[in-house]
Amino acid sequence: MRKDAPTERELRSCLSHFATGVTIVTYEVDGQRFGVTVNSFTSVSLNPPLILACLHKNAKAAMLLRKRPFTVNVLAATQRDHALHFAGRPQPNLDLKFRETPNGPRLEHCLAYINCDPWRVYDAGDHVIVLGYVCDIEMTGEKPLLFYRGEFRAIGDLLFDSAGPSDALADEALRPLVSAGGGQEWSDDGYEVLLHRSW
């Protein structure tokens, strides 16, 4: 096990092995529409309903989103050019279509939409963590755009049949883990996903 800390390049390379979806966070300032491509996005809480997006401190959105509502547009597999455009690589022939909402503009034809009010912003090294309070959602039947090892990808084959994992397996994943001594091991939420049965 190495004792020295990884370099920025090594850490970026390692983290790129975690596949993610791709989002564009859109918002409005003085009547102008803005957006930024974000793949460092996740759910935080169901009650209250919270999500977060991590933004580099040099990004305009890192400052502008502190007190503004915004929409997380989860991109569909057909929207690679959208991701590039809002990541600072303009796509001249891109046909951008927006719909206005109480939380500002949102992009058309996305996989899902999460409309948010500003909640909190936290400093995190060279990034800021923007938390949003979810006030509206919408989902479509599109397939997702994925990002893995620095490349855009499409979703692959299912690991289960078309019906998904069995109800029994889903129920099993929500059971409290049982240790060899007969006790229970709890996560902060009271349950852990069952990855391996040791009995």
N, C-alpha and C. Protein backbone atom coordinates (compact mmCIF):
# COMPACT_ATOMS: atom_id res chain seq x y z
N MET A 1 0.85 -1.19 0.00
CA MET A 1 0.00 0.00 0.00
C MET A 1 0.88 1.24 0.00
N ARG A 2 0.68 2.12 -0.95
CA ARG A 2 1.50 3.32 -1.03
C ARG A 2 1.19 4.26 0.12
N LYS A 3 2.19 5.01 0.56
CA LYS A 3 2.02 5.95 1.67
C LYS A 3 1.89 7.38 1.19
N ASP A 4 2.40 7.67 -0.01
CA ASP A 4 2.30 9.03 -0.52
C ASP A 4 0.94 9.25 -1.16
N ALA A 5 0.47 10.48 -1.10
CA ALA A 5 -0.84 10.81 -1.67
C ALA A 5 -0.77 10.75 -3.19
N PRO A 6 -1.84 10.35 -3.85
CA PRO A 6 -1.84 10.32 -5.32
C PRO A 6 -1.75 11.72 -5.89
N THR A 7 -1.19 11.84 -7.07
CA THR A 7 -1.17 13.13 -7.75
C THR A 7 -2.58 13.44 -8.27
N GLU A 8 -2.78 14.69 -8.65
CA GLU A 8 -4.09 15.07 -9.20
C GLU A 8 -4.43 14.22 -10.42
N ARG A 9 -3.44 13.99 -11.27
CA ARG A 9 -3.68 13.20 -12.47
C ARG A 9 -4.04 11.76 -12.13
N GLU A 10 -3.33 11.17 -11.16
CA GLU A 10 -3.62 9.80 -10.77
C GLU A 10 -5.01 9.68 -10.15
N LEU A 11 -5.36 10.66 -9.31
CA LEU A 11 -6.67 10.63 -8.68
C LEU A 11 -7.78 10.77 -9.71
N ARG A 12 -7.60 11.70 -10.65
CA ARG A 12 -8.60 11.88 -11.70
C ARG A 12 -8.78 10.59 -12.50
N SER A 13 -7.66 9.93 -12.82
CA SER A 13 -7.72 8.68 -13.58
C SER A 13 -8.46 7.60 -12.80
N CYS A 14 -8.18 7.49 -11.51
CA CYS A 14 -8.85 6.49 -10.68
C CYS A 14 -10.35 6.77 -10.59
N LEU A 15 -10.71 8.01 -10.33
CA LEU A 15 -12.13 8.36 -10.18
C LEU A 15 -12.90 8.20 -11.48
N SER A 16 -12.20 8.27 -12.60
CA SER A 16 -12.89 8.13 -13.89
C SER A 16 -13.43 6.72 -14.10
N HIS A 17 -13.00 5.77 -13.26
CA HIS A 17 -13.51 4.40 -13.36
C HIS A 17 -14.90 4.26 -12.74
N PHE A 18 -15.38 5.30 -12.09
CA PHE A 18 -16.75 5.29 -11.56
C PHE A 18 -17.66 5.88 -12.62
N ALA A 19 -18.47 5.04 -13.22
CA ALA A 19 -19.37 5.49 -14.30
C ALA A 19 -20.47 6.37 -13.72
N THR A 20 -20.80 7.43 -14.44
CA THR A 20 -21.85 8.35 -13.99
C THR A 20 -22.79 8.67 -15.14
N GLY A 21 -23.91 9.24 -14.80
CA GLY A 21 -24.73 9.90 -15.79
C GLY A 21 -24.15 11.27 -16.07
N VAL A 22 -24.83 12.03 -16.92
CA VAL A 22 -24.38 13.38 -17.26
C VAL A 22 -25.56 14.33 -17.13
N THR A 23 -25.34 15.46 -16.50
CA THR A 23 -26.40 16.45 -16.34
C THR A 23 -25.94 17.81 -16.84
N ILE A 24 -26.89 18.65 -17.12
CA ILE A 24 -26.63 20.07 -17.35
C ILE A 24 -27.49 20.84 -16.36
N VAL A 25 -26.85 21.67 -15.57
CA VAL A 25 -27.57 22.51 -14.61
C VAL A 25 -27.86 23.84 -15.30
N THR A 26 -29.15 24.16 -15.43
CA THR A 26 -29.55 25.40 -16.10
C THR A 26 -30.16 26.37 -15.11
N TYR A 27 -29.98 27.65 -15.39
CA TYR A 27 -30.50 28.70 -14.52
C TYR A 27 -30.59 30.00 -15.31
N GLU A 28 -31.16 31.01 -14.71
CA GLU A 28 -31.36 32.28 -15.41
C GLU A 28 -30.83 33.43 -14.56
N VAL A 29 -30.17 34.37 -15.23
CA VAL A 29 -29.66 35.57 -14.56
C VAL A 29 -30.03 36.78 -15.41
N ASP A 30 -30.85 37.66 -14.85
CA ASP A 30 -31.24 38.88 -15.55
C ASP A 30 -31.78 38.61 -16.95
N GLY A 31 -32.62 37.57 -17.05
CA GLY A 31 -33.24 37.25 -18.32
C GLY A 31 -32.38 36.44 -19.28
N GLN A 32 -31.14 36.15 -18.90
CA GLN A 32 -30.25 35.36 -19.74
C GLN A 32 -30.17 33.93 -19.22
N ARG A 33 -30.17 32.97 -20.16
CA ARG A 33 -30.10 31.55 -19.79
C ARG A 33 -28.65 31.10 -19.72
N PHE A 34 -28.34 30.32 -18.70
CA PHE A 34 -27.02 29.77 -18.53
C PHE A 34 -27.12 28.27 -18.24
N GLY A 35 -26.04 27.56 -18.54
CA GLY A 35 -26.00 26.14 -18.22
C GLY A 35 -24.57 25.67 -18.05
N VAL A 36 -24.38 24.62 -17.27
CA VAL A 36 -23.05 24.05 -17.06
C VAL A 36 -23.19 22.53 -16.97
N THR A 37 -22.30 21.83 -17.68
CA THR A 37 -22.32 20.37 -17.66
C THR A 37 -21.72 19.86 -16.35
N VAL A 38 -22.43 18.94 -15.72
CA VAL A 38 -22.02 18.41 -14.41
C VAL A 38 -22.23 16.90 -14.39
N ASN A 39 -21.18 16.15 -14.05
CA ASN A 39 -21.40 14.72 -13.83
C ASN A 39 -21.18 14.35 -12.36
N SER A 40 -20.71 15.32 -11.57
CA SER A 40 -20.59 15.11 -10.13
C SER A 40 -21.89 15.57 -9.48
N PHE A 41 -22.88 14.70 -9.58
CA PHE A 41 -24.23 14.99 -9.13
C PHE A 41 -24.77 13.76 -8.41
N THR A 42 -25.53 13.97 -7.32
CA THR A 42 -26.09 12.83 -6.61
C THR A 42 -27.27 13.26 -5.74
N SER A 43 -28.05 12.28 -5.34
CA SER A 43 -29.11 12.53 -4.38
C SER A 43 -28.49 12.64 -2.99
N VAL A 44 -29.15 13.36 -2.10
CA VAL A 44 -28.65 13.56 -0.75
C VAL A 44 -29.65 13.08 0.29
N SER A 45 -30.90 13.49 0.14
CA SER A 45 -31.91 13.20 1.16
C SER A 45 -33.28 13.12 0.51
N LEU A 46 -34.12 12.22 1.05
CA LEU A 46 -35.51 12.13 0.60
C LEU A 46 -36.43 13.01 1.44
N ASN A 47 -36.04 13.24 2.68
CA ASN A 47 -36.86 14.05 3.58
C ASN A 47 -35.95 14.87 4.50
N PRO A 48 -35.72 16.15 4.14
CA PRO A 48 -36.29 16.88 3.00
C PRO A 48 -35.66 16.41 1.68
N PRO A 49 -36.32 16.66 0.56
CA PRO A 49 -35.79 16.21 -0.73
C PRO A 49 -34.64 17.09 -1.20
N LEU A 50 -33.43 16.55 -1.16
CA LEU A 50 -32.23 17.32 -1.49
C LEU A 50 -31.36 16.59 -2.50
N ILE A 51 -30.74 17.35 -3.39
CA ILE A 51 -29.72 16.83 -4.31
C ILE A 51 -28.50 17.74 -4.20
N LEU A 52 -27.37 17.28 -4.77
CA LEU A 52 -26.20 18.16 -4.80
C LEU A 52 -25.50 18.06 -6.14
N ALA A 53 -24.82 19.14 -6.46
CA ALA A 53 -23.95 19.19 -7.64
C ALA A 53 -22.65 19.85 -7.21
N CYS A 54 -21.53 19.27 -7.65
CA CYS A 54 -20.22 19.85 -7.33
C CYS A 54 -19.71 20.63 -8.53
N LEU A 55 -19.30 21.87 -8.27
CA LEU A 55 -18.85 22.77 -9.34
C LEU A 55 -17.47 23.30 -9.01
N HIS A 56 -16.63 23.41 -10.02
CA HIS A 56 -15.31 24.00 -9.82
C HIS A 56 -15.47 25.47 -9.44
N LYS A 57 -14.62 25.93 -8.55
CA LYS A 57 -14.74 27.32 -8.09
C LYS A 57 -14.57 28.33 -9.20
N ASN A 58 -13.89 27.94 -10.28
CA ASN A 58 -13.70 28.86 -11.40
C ASN A 58 -14.92 28.96 -12.30
N ALA A 59 -15.88 28.06 -12.12
CA ALA A 59 -17.08 28.09 -12.95
C ALA A 59 -17.98 29.24 -12.52
N LYS A 60 -18.57 29.94 -13.48
CA LYS A 60 -19.48 31.04 -13.16
C LYS A 60 -20.62 30.57 -12.27
N ALA A 61 -21.10 29.35 -12.54
CA ALA A 61 -22.24 28.83 -11.78
C ALA A 61 -21.92 28.66 -10.30
N ALA A 62 -20.66 28.49 -9.96
CA ALA A 62 -20.29 28.31 -8.56
C ALA A 62 -20.70 29.50 -7.71
N MET A 63 -20.70 30.67 -8.30
CA MET A 63 -21.12 31.87 -7.60
C MET A 63 -22.59 32.20 -7.87
N LEU A 64 -23.01 32.05 -9.12
CA LEU A 64 -24.34 32.48 -9.50
C LEU A 64 -25.46 31.61 -8.93
N LEU A 65 -25.16 30.35 -8.61
CA LEU A 65 -26.20 29.45 -8.11
C LEU A 65 -26.43 29.55 -6.61
N ARG A 66 -25.69 30.39 -5.93
CA ARG A 66 -25.81 30.46 -4.47
C ARG A 66 -27.19 30.89 -4.00
N LYS A 67 -27.86 31.71 -4.79
CA LYS A 67 -29.15 32.21 -4.35
C LYS A 67 -30.21 32.14 -5.44
N ARG A 68 -29.98 31.25 -6.41
CA ARG A 68 -30.91 31.17 -7.54
C ARG A 68 -31.49 29.77 -7.69
N PRO A 69 -32.75 29.69 -8.09
CA PRO A 69 -33.32 28.37 -8.43
C PRO A 69 -32.64 27.83 -9.67
N PHE A 70 -32.66 26.53 -9.83
CA PHE A 70 -32.01 25.91 -10.98
C PHE A 70 -32.69 24.58 -11.32
N THR A 71 -32.38 24.07 -12.49
CA THR A 71 -32.90 22.79 -12.93
C THR A 71 -31.74 21.87 -13.30
N VAL A 72 -31.79 20.64 -12.79
CA VAL A 72 -30.84 19.61 -13.20
C VAL A 72 -31.48 18.84 -14.35
N ASN A 73 -30.89 18.95 -15.53
CA ASN A 73 -31.37 18.26 -16.72
C ASN A 73 -30.53 16.99 -16.89
N VAL A 74 -31.12 15.83 -16.68
CA VAL A 74 -30.40 14.57 -16.84
C VAL A 74 -30.42 14.20 -18.31
N LEU A 75 -29.23 14.10 -18.91
CA LEU A 75 -29.15 14.00 -20.37
C LEU A 75 -29.47 12.61 -20.89
N ALA A 76 -30.11 12.60 -22.05
CA ALA A 76 -30.40 11.36 -22.77
C ALA A 76 -29.21 11.00 -23.65
N ALA A 77 -29.19 9.76 -24.11
CA ALA A 77 -28.07 9.25 -24.90
C ALA A 77 -27.84 10.05 -26.18
N THR A 78 -28.87 10.72 -26.67
CA THR A 78 -28.76 11.49 -27.91
C THR A 78 -28.20 12.90 -27.69
N GLN A 79 -27.85 13.23 -26.45
CA GLN A 79 -27.49 14.62 -26.13
C GLN A 79 -26.01 14.82 -25.81
N ARG A 80 -25.16 14.03 -26.43
CA ARG A 80 -23.71 14.19 -26.25
C ARG A 80 -23.27 15.61 -26.61
N ASP A 81 -23.78 16.14 -27.72
CA ASP A 81 -23.38 17.48 -28.15
C ASP A 81 -23.81 18.55 -27.14
N HIS A 82 -24.94 18.32 -26.46
CA HIS A 82 -25.36 19.24 -25.41
C HIS A 82 -24.33 19.26 -24.28
N ALA A 83 -23.87 18.07 -23.90
CA ALA A 83 -22.88 17.97 -22.82
C ALA A 83 -21.61 18.71 -23.19
N LEU A 84 -21.14 18.54 -24.42
CA LEU A 84 -19.93 19.22 -24.87
C LEU A 84 -20.13 20.73 -24.91
N HIS A 85 -21.26 21.15 -25.42
CA HIS A 85 -21.55 22.58 -25.58
C HIS A 85 -21.48 23.30 -24.23
N PHE A 86 -22.11 22.72 -23.21
CA PHE A 86 -22.15 23.39 -21.90
C PHE A 86 -20.93 23.07 -21.04
N ALA A 87 -20.00 22.30 -21.61
CA ALA A 87 -18.72 22.06 -20.94
C ALA A 87 -17.62 22.93 -21.52
N GLY A 88 -18.01 23.92 -22.34
CA GLY A 88 -17.04 24.85 -22.89
C GLY A 88 -16.51 24.50 -24.25
N ARG A 89 -17.16 23.55 -24.94
CA ARG A 89 -16.77 23.19 -26.30
C ARG A 89 -17.97 23.46 -27.23
N PRO A 90 -18.15 24.69 -27.66
CA PRO A 90 -19.34 25.10 -28.41
C PRO A 90 -19.60 24.22 -29.63
N GLN A 91 -20.87 23.88 -29.80
CA GLN A 91 -21.31 23.09 -30.96
C GLN A 91 -22.17 24.01 -31.83
N PRO A 92 -21.59 24.59 -32.90
CA PRO A 92 -22.27 25.63 -33.68
C PRO A 92 -23.62 25.20 -34.25
N ASN A 93 -23.77 23.94 -34.59
CA ASN A 93 -25.00 23.48 -35.24
C ASN A 93 -26.01 22.90 -34.25
N LEU A 94 -25.73 23.07 -32.98
CA LEU A 94 -26.62 22.49 -31.97
C LEU A 94 -27.91 23.29 -31.88
N ASP A 95 -29.03 22.59 -31.97
CA ASP A 95 -30.34 23.22 -31.87
C ASP A 95 -30.81 23.16 -30.42
N LEU A 96 -30.61 24.26 -29.71
CA LEU A 96 -30.98 24.31 -28.30
C LEU A 96 -32.43 24.76 -28.15
N LYS A 97 -33.19 23.94 -27.45
CA LYS A 97 -34.59 24.27 -27.20
C LYS A 97 -34.84 24.25 -25.69
N PHE A 98 -35.44 25.32 -25.20
CA PHE A 98 -35.69 25.46 -23.77
C PHE A 98 -37.19 25.54 -23.50
N ARG A 99 -37.55 25.20 -22.28
CA ARG A 99 -38.90 25.43 -21.78
C ARG A 99 -38.76 26.19 -20.47
N GLU A 100 -39.55 27.24 -20.32
CA GLU A 100 -39.49 28.04 -19.11
C GLU A 100 -40.27 27.35 -17.98
N THR A 101 -39.72 27.41 -16.78
CA THR A 101 -40.38 26.86 -15.60
C THR A 101 -40.23 27.88 -14.47
N PRO A 102 -40.95 27.70 -13.37
CA PRO A 102 -40.78 28.61 -12.22
C PRO A 102 -39.35 28.61 -11.68
N ASN A 103 -38.58 27.56 -11.98
CA ASN A 103 -37.19 27.48 -11.53
C ASN A 103 -36.22 27.79 -12.65
N GLY A 104 -36.67 28.55 -13.64
CA GLY A 104 -35.79 28.93 -14.73
C GLY A 104 -35.91 27.99 -15.91
N PRO A 105 -35.01 28.13 -16.88
CA PRO A 105 -35.12 27.35 -18.12
C PRO A 105 -34.72 25.90 -17.93
N ARG A 106 -35.30 25.04 -18.75
CA ARG A 106 -34.85 23.65 -18.80
C ARG A 106 -34.73 23.25 -20.26
N LEU A 107 -33.86 22.30 -20.54
CA LEU A 107 -33.63 21.83 -21.89
C LEU A 107 -34.70 20.83 -22.31
N GLU A 108 -35.03 20.83 -23.58
CA GLU A 108 -36.01 19.88 -24.09
C GLU A 108 -35.36 18.52 -24.36
N HIS A 109 -36.19 17.46 -24.30
CA HIS A 109 -35.83 16.11 -24.72
C HIS A 109 -34.80 15.43 -23.82
N CYS A 110 -34.78 15.78 -22.55
CA CYS A 110 -33.86 15.13 -21.61
C CYS A 110 -34.49 13.88 -21.01
N LEU A 111 -33.68 13.12 -20.29
CA LEU A 111 -34.14 11.90 -19.64
C LEU A 111 -34.98 12.21 -18.42
N ALA A 112 -34.58 13.21 -17.65
CA ALA A 112 -35.31 13.59 -16.44
C ALA A 112 -34.98 15.03 -16.09
N TYR A 113 -35.87 15.61 -15.27
CA TYR A 113 -35.71 17.00 -14.83
C TYR A 113 -35.91 17.07 -13.33
N ILE A 114 -35.04 17.82 -12.67
CA ILE A 114 -35.14 18.02 -11.22
C ILE A 114 -35.07 19.52 -10.97
N ASN A 115 -36.20 20.12 -10.67
CA ASN A 115 -36.25 21.56 -10.41
C ASN A 115 -35.98 21.83 -8.94
N CYS A 116 -35.09 22.78 -8.68
CA CYS A 116 -34.62 23.00 -7.30
C CYS A 116 -34.63 24.47 -6.91
N ASP A 117 -34.90 24.68 -5.64
CA ASP A 117 -34.63 25.96 -5.00
C ASP A 117 -33.29 25.88 -4.29
N PRO A 118 -32.57 26.99 -4.16
CA PRO A 118 -31.27 26.95 -3.47
C PRO A 118 -31.44 26.55 -2.01
N TRP A 119 -30.54 25.73 -1.51
CA TRP A 119 -30.62 25.24 -0.13
C TRP A 119 -29.38 25.66 0.67
N ARG A 120 -28.21 25.13 0.31
CA ARG A 120 -26.95 25.48 0.97
C ARG A 120 -25.83 25.38 -0.06
N VAL A 121 -24.74 26.08 0.21
CA VAL A 121 -23.51 25.96 -0.58
C VAL A 121 -22.35 25.78 0.38
N TYR A 122 -21.51 24.78 0.13
CA TYR A 122 -20.39 24.47 1.02
C TYR A 122 -19.08 24.51 0.23
N ASP A 123 -18.04 25.04 0.89
CA ASP A 123 -16.70 25.03 0.31
C ASP A 123 -16.15 23.61 0.37
N ALA A 124 -15.49 23.18 -0.72
CA ALA A 124 -14.91 21.83 -0.76
C ALA A 124 -13.65 21.85 -1.60
N GLY A 125 -12.57 22.38 -1.04
CA GLY A 125 -11.30 22.42 -1.76
C GLY A 125 -11.38 23.31 -2.97
N ASP A 126 -11.09 22.73 -4.16
CA ASP A 126 -11.15 23.54 -5.38
C ASP A 126 -12.54 23.53 -6.00
N HIS A 127 -13.51 22.96 -5.29
CA HIS A 127 -14.90 22.93 -5.75
C HIS A 127 -15.83 23.52 -4.69
N VAL A 128 -17.07 23.76 -5.07
CA VAL A 128 -18.12 24.07 -4.11
C VAL A 128 -19.22 23.03 -4.28
N ILE A 129 -19.88 22.70 -3.18
CA ILE A 129 -20.99 21.76 -3.20
C ILE A 129 -22.28 22.56 -3.11
N VAL A 130 -23.08 22.47 -4.15
CA VAL A 130 -24.35 23.21 -4.21
C VAL A 130 -25.48 22.24 -3.91
N LEU A 131 -26.20 22.49 -2.82
CA LEU A 131 -27.36 21.67 -2.48
C LEU A 131 -28.63 22.36 -2.93
N GLY A 132 -29.51 21.58 -3.53
CA GLY A 132 -30.78 22.11 -3.98
C GLY A 132 -31.94 21.39 -3.33
N TYR A 133 -32.98 22.15 -3.01
CA TYR A 133 -34.22 21.58 -2.47
C TYR A 133 -35.13 21.26 -3.64
N VAL A 134 -35.46 19.99 -3.81
CA VAL A 134 -36.23 19.55 -4.97
C VAL A 134 -37.69 19.95 -4.81
N CYS A 135 -38.19 20.74 -5.75
CA CYS A 135 -39.57 21.19 -5.68
C CYS A 135 -40.44 20.64 -6.82
N ASP A 136 -39.81 20.04 -7.83
CA ASP A 136 -40.60 19.42 -8.90
C ASP A 136 -39.69 18.48 -9.68
N ILE A 137 -40.27 17.41 -10.23
CA ILE A 137 -39.52 16.44 -11.03
C ILE A 137 -40.35 16.01 -12.23
N GLU A 138 -39.66 15.51 -13.24
CA GLU A 138 -40.34 14.93 -14.40
C GLU A 138 -39.39 13.93 -15.05
N MET A 139 -39.94 12.82 -15.55
CA MET A 139 -39.15 11.78 -16.19
C MET A 139 -39.73 11.46 -17.55
N THR A 140 -38.86 11.04 -18.48
CA THR A 140 -39.29 10.66 -19.81
C THR A 140 -38.86 9.22 -20.06
N GLY A 141 -39.11 8.73 -21.26
CA GLY A 141 -38.75 7.35 -21.57
C GLY A 141 -37.44 7.22 -22.32
N GLU A 142 -36.59 8.26 -22.28
CA GLU A 142 -35.33 8.22 -23.01
C GLU A 142 -34.32 7.30 -22.33
N LYS A 143 -33.24 6.98 -23.04
CA LYS A 143 -32.13 6.22 -22.47
C LYS A 143 -31.04 7.20 -22.03
N PRO A 144 -30.24 6.85 -21.01
CA PRO A 144 -29.30 7.82 -20.45
C PRO A 144 -27.99 7.94 -21.22
N LEU A 145 -27.40 9.11 -21.13
CA LEU A 145 -26.02 9.33 -21.56
C LEU A 145 -25.12 9.04 -20.37
N LEU A 146 -24.05 8.27 -20.59
CA LEU A 146 -23.14 7.90 -19.51
C LEU A 146 -21.76 8.48 -19.77
N PHE A 147 -20.98 8.59 -18.69
CA PHE A 147 -19.60 9.09 -18.79
C PHE A 147 -18.71 8.13 -18.01
N TYR A 148 -17.71 7.56 -18.72
CA TYR A 148 -16.84 6.56 -18.11
C TYR A 148 -15.44 6.66 -18.69
N ARG A 149 -14.45 6.84 -17.81
CA ARG A 149 -13.05 6.92 -18.21
C ARG A 149 -12.83 7.97 -19.30
N GLY A 150 -13.46 9.13 -19.10
CA GLY A 150 -13.24 10.26 -19.99
C GLY A 150 -13.98 10.20 -21.30
N GLU A 151 -14.92 9.24 -21.44
CA GLU A 151 -15.65 9.11 -22.70
C GLU A 151 -17.15 9.01 -22.45
N PHE A 152 -17.91 9.52 -23.41
CA PHE A 152 -19.37 9.37 -23.35
C PHE A 152 -19.73 7.99 -23.87
N ARG A 153 -20.69 7.37 -23.19
CA ARG A 153 -21.08 6.01 -23.55
C ARG A 153 -22.59 5.86 -23.43
N ALA A 154 -23.10 4.77 -23.99
CA ALA A 154 -24.51 4.44 -23.87
C ALA A 154 -24.65 3.29 -22.89
N ILE A 155 -25.85 3.09 -22.38
CA ILE A 155 -26.09 2.05 -21.40
C ILE A 155 -25.94 0.69 -22.07
N GLY A 156 -25.43 -0.30 -21.30
CA GLY A 156 -25.21 -1.63 -21.83
C GLY A 156 -26.34 -2.59 -21.52
N ASP A 157 -26.02 -3.86 -21.53
CA ASP A 157 -27.02 -4.90 -21.28
C ASP A 157 -27.42 -4.93 -19.82
N LEU A 158 -28.65 -5.36 -19.57
CA LEU A 158 -29.13 -5.56 -18.21
C LEU A 158 -28.44 -6.77 -17.60
N LEU A 159 -28.21 -6.70 -16.31
CA LEU A 159 -27.64 -7.85 -15.61
C LEU A 159 -28.70 -8.86 -15.22
N PHE A 160 -29.97 -8.44 -15.31
CA PHE A 160 -31.09 -9.33 -15.02
C PHE A 160 -31.96 -9.39 -16.26
N ASP A 161 -33.00 -10.23 -16.22
CA ASP A 161 -33.90 -10.28 -17.36
C ASP A 161 -34.73 -9.00 -17.44
N SER A 162 -35.59 -8.91 -18.42
CA SER A 162 -36.32 -7.67 -18.67
C SER A 162 -37.21 -7.26 -17.52
N ALA A 163 -37.54 -8.20 -16.64
CA ALA A 163 -38.38 -7.88 -15.49
C ALA A 163 -37.58 -7.30 -14.35
N GLY A 164 -36.23 -7.31 -14.48
CA GLY A 164 -35.38 -6.80 -13.42
C GLY A 164 -35.14 -7.86 -12.36
N PRO A 165 -34.42 -7.52 -11.29
CA PRO A 165 -34.16 -8.48 -10.23
C PRO A 165 -35.46 -8.94 -9.60
N SER A 166 -35.45 -10.16 -9.11
CA SER A 166 -36.67 -10.71 -8.53
C SER A 166 -37.06 -9.95 -7.28
N ASP A 167 -38.35 -10.03 -6.94
CA ASP A 167 -38.82 -9.37 -5.73
C ASP A 167 -38.09 -9.90 -4.51
N ALA A 168 -37.78 -11.19 -4.54
CA ALA A 168 -37.09 -11.79 -3.40
C ALA A 168 -35.72 -11.17 -3.21
N LEU A 169 -35.00 -10.96 -4.33
CA LEU A 169 -33.68 -10.36 -4.25
C LEU A 169 -33.77 -8.92 -3.78
N ALA A 170 -34.76 -8.19 -4.30
CA ALA A 170 -34.94 -6.80 -3.88
C ALA A 170 -35.24 -6.73 -2.39
N ASP A 171 -36.10 -7.62 -1.91
CA ASP A 171 -36.41 -7.65 -0.47
C ASP A 171 -35.17 -8.01 0.34
N GLU A 172 -34.37 -8.94 -0.18
CA GLU A 172 -33.18 -9.38 0.53
C GLU A 172 -32.19 -8.23 0.69
N ALA A 173 -32.13 -7.37 -0.33
CA ALA A 173 -31.18 -6.26 -0.29
C ALA A 173 -31.53 -5.24 0.79
N LEU A 174 -32.76 -5.25 1.27
CA LEU A 174 -33.18 -4.29 2.28
C LEU A 174 -33.20 -4.88 3.69
N ARG A 175 -32.84 -6.16 3.82
CA ARG A 175 -32.81 -6.76 5.15
C ARG A 175 -31.59 -6.30 5.91
N PRO A 176 -31.67 -6.15 7.23
CA PRO A 176 -30.47 -5.85 8.00
C PRO A 176 -29.50 -7.01 7.92
N LEU A 177 -28.22 -6.68 7.82
CA LEU A 177 -27.22 -7.73 7.73
C LEU A 177 -27.12 -8.48 9.04
N VAL A 178 -26.90 -9.78 8.97
CA VAL A 178 -26.76 -10.61 10.17
C VAL A 178 -25.32 -11.07 10.26
N SER A 179 -24.66 -10.76 11.36
CA SER A 179 -23.27 -11.15 11.53
C SER A 179 -23.17 -12.60 11.96
N ALA A 180 -21.94 -13.14 11.92
CA ALA A 180 -21.74 -14.53 12.29
C ALA A 180 -22.16 -14.80 13.73
N GLY A 181 -22.10 -13.77 14.57
CA GLY A 181 -22.46 -13.93 15.97
C GLY A 181 -23.94 -13.80 16.23
N GLY A 182 -24.71 -13.61 15.18
CA GLY A 182 -26.15 -13.54 15.35
C GLY A 182 -26.66 -12.13 15.58
N GLY A 183 -25.76 -11.14 15.67
CA GLY A 183 -26.19 -9.77 15.87
C GLY A 183 -26.51 -9.11 14.55
N GLN A 184 -26.91 -7.86 14.59
CA GLN A 184 -27.25 -7.13 13.38
C GLN A 184 -26.28 -5.98 13.18
N GLU A 185 -25.89 -5.77 11.95
CA GLU A 185 -25.02 -4.66 11.59
C GLU A 185 -25.83 -3.62 10.86
N TRP A 186 -25.81 -2.39 11.38
CA TRP A 186 -26.67 -1.35 10.82
C TRP A 186 -25.83 -0.25 10.19
N SER A 187 -26.32 0.27 9.09
CA SER A 187 -25.75 1.49 8.54
C SER A 187 -26.45 2.66 9.22
N ASP A 188 -26.06 3.87 8.86
CA ASP A 188 -26.70 5.05 9.45
C ASP A 188 -28.20 5.08 9.15
N ASP A 189 -28.58 4.49 8.02
CA ASP A 189 -29.99 4.48 7.64
C ASP A 189 -30.73 3.26 8.19
N GLY A 190 -30.02 2.39 8.90
CA GLY A 190 -30.66 1.22 9.49
C GLY A 190 -30.51 -0.03 8.65
N TYR A 191 -30.21 0.12 7.35
CA TYR A 191 -30.09 -1.03 6.46
C TYR A 191 -28.90 -0.83 5.53
N GLU A 192 -28.33 -1.93 5.11
CA GLU A 192 -27.29 -1.91 4.10
C GLU A 192 -27.69 -2.83 2.97
N VAL A 193 -27.20 -2.53 1.78
CA VAL A 193 -27.47 -3.43 0.67
C VAL A 193 -26.68 -4.72 0.89
N LEU A 194 -27.33 -5.85 0.74
CA LEU A 194 -26.71 -7.14 0.97
C LEU A 194 -25.89 -7.52 -0.25
N LEU A 195 -24.57 -7.51 -0.12
CA LEU A 195 -23.69 -7.83 -1.22
C LEU A 195 -23.20 -9.27 -1.15
N HIS A 196 -23.06 -9.80 0.06
CA HIS A 196 -22.54 -11.16 0.21
C HIS A 196 -23.09 -11.76 1.46
N ARG A 197 -23.61 -12.95 1.34
CA ARG A 197 -24.16 -13.64 2.51
C ARG A 197 -23.08 -14.54 3.09
N SER A 198 -22.83 -14.40 4.39
CA SER A 198 -21.74 -15.15 5.02
C SER A 198 -22.24 -16.27 5.91
N TRP A 199 -23.52 -16.65 5.74
CA TRP A 199 -24.05 -17.74 6.55
C TRP A 199 -24.73 -18.77 5.67
